[in-house]
C-alpha cells in the first residue's frame, strides 16, 4: 500500500501495531488440537474471513462484557 500523506502513513502504522498486539494476546489464549500455540501467521489467516475474525475477537474480548453498557 502506498500512502500519499504523512498522516495516512502514521495512522496505518498505528493500526498495524494495534493489530499485531491483539494477535499476540490472542496467541496466548488459543491452542491447536495438539496443545501447541498457533503462530501469528495462522491467526492472521483465521481472521481473513469476517466470521473468523468475530469469533476470535469474541474470545479475546467477549461481547457480553461491553454490550451491557449499550443497553438502555
Protein backbone atom coordinates (compact mmCIF):
# COMPACT_ATOMS: atom_id res chain seq x y z
CA UNK A 1 0.00 0.00 0.00
CA UNK A 2 1.30 3.42 -0.91
CA UNK A 3 0.47 6.37 1.30
CA UNK A 4 0.29 9.83 -0.17
CA UNK A 5 0.46 11.89 3.01
CA UNK A 6 2.29 11.51 6.30
CA UNK A 7 -0.91 11.32 8.35
CA UNK A 8 -2.11 8.34 6.35
CA UNK A 9 1.17 6.53 6.90
CA UNK A 10 1.14 7.32 10.63
CA UNK A 11 -2.44 6.09 11.01
CA UNK A 12 -1.73 2.93 9.04
CA UNK A 13 1.33 2.16 11.15
CA UNK A 14 -0.65 2.72 14.34
CA UNK A 15 -3.40 0.35 13.21
CA UNK A 16 -0.80 -2.29 12.32
CA UNK A 17 0.70 -2.02 15.82
CA UNK A 18 -2.73 -2.45 17.43
CA UNK A 19 -3.47 -5.42 15.16
CA UNK A 20 -0.18 -7.16 15.98
CA UNK A 21 -0.65 -6.54 19.70
CA UNK A 22 -4.12 -8.07 19.51
CA UNK A 23 -2.77 -11.09 17.64
CA UNK A 24 -0.04 -11.59 20.23
CA UNK A 25 -2.60 -11.51 23.04
CA UNK A 26 -4.78 -13.98 21.12
CA UNK A 27 -1.79 -16.24 20.60
CA UNK A 28 -1.60 -16.83 24.36
CA UNK A 29 -5.27 -17.83 24.54
CA UNK A 30 -5.62 -20.14 21.55
CA UNK A 31 -4.11 -23.58 21.32
CA UNK A 32 -4.23 -26.08 18.50
CA UNK A 33 -5.51 -29.64 18.67
CA UNK A 34 -2.23 -30.98 19.98
CA UNK A 35 -1.90 -28.26 22.64
CA UNK A 36 0.63 -26.14 20.77
CA UNK A 37 0.10 -22.43 20.25
CA UNK A 38 -0.99 -21.01 16.88
CA UNK A 39 1.54 -18.90 15.02
CA UNK A 40 0.85 -15.26 14.20
CA UNK A 41 0.53 -16.20 10.51
CA UNK A 42 -2.11 -18.83 11.33
CA UNK A 43 -4.09 -16.33 13.40
CA UNK A 44 -3.90 -13.82 10.54
CA UNK A 45 -5.30 -16.44 8.17
CA UNK A 46 -8.10 -17.23 10.62
CA UNK A 47 -9.02 -13.53 10.72
CA UNK A 48 -9.34 -13.14 6.94
CA UNK A 49 -12.99 -14.21 6.96
CA UNK A 50 -15.24 -11.83 8.92
CA UNK A 51 -16.87 -14.72 10.78
CA UNK A 52 -13.47 -15.99 11.91
CA UNK A 53 -12.36 -12.54 12.99
CA UNK A 54 -15.53 -12.02 15.02
CA UNK A 55 -15.24 -15.44 16.63
CA UNK A 56 -11.61 -14.93 17.60
CA UNK A 57 -12.07 -11.36 18.83
CA UNK A 58 -15.06 -12.52 20.91
CA UNK A 59 -12.74 -14.98 22.67
CA UNK A 60 -10.27 -12.23 23.49
CA UNK A 61 -12.81 -9.52 24.31
CA UNK A 62 -16.26 -11.09 24.95
CA UNK A 63 -19.18 -9.06 23.68
CA UNK A 64 -21.10 -9.73 26.89
CA UNK A 65 -18.50 -7.71 28.83
CA UNK A 66 -19.12 -4.48 26.99
CA UNK A 67 -22.55 -4.96 25.40
CA UNK A 68 -24.31 -4.36 28.72
CA UNK A 69 -23.04 -0.76 28.63
CA UNK A 70 -25.12 -0.06 25.49
CA UNK A 71 -28.44 -1.41 26.75
CA UNK A 72 -30.91 1.30 27.56
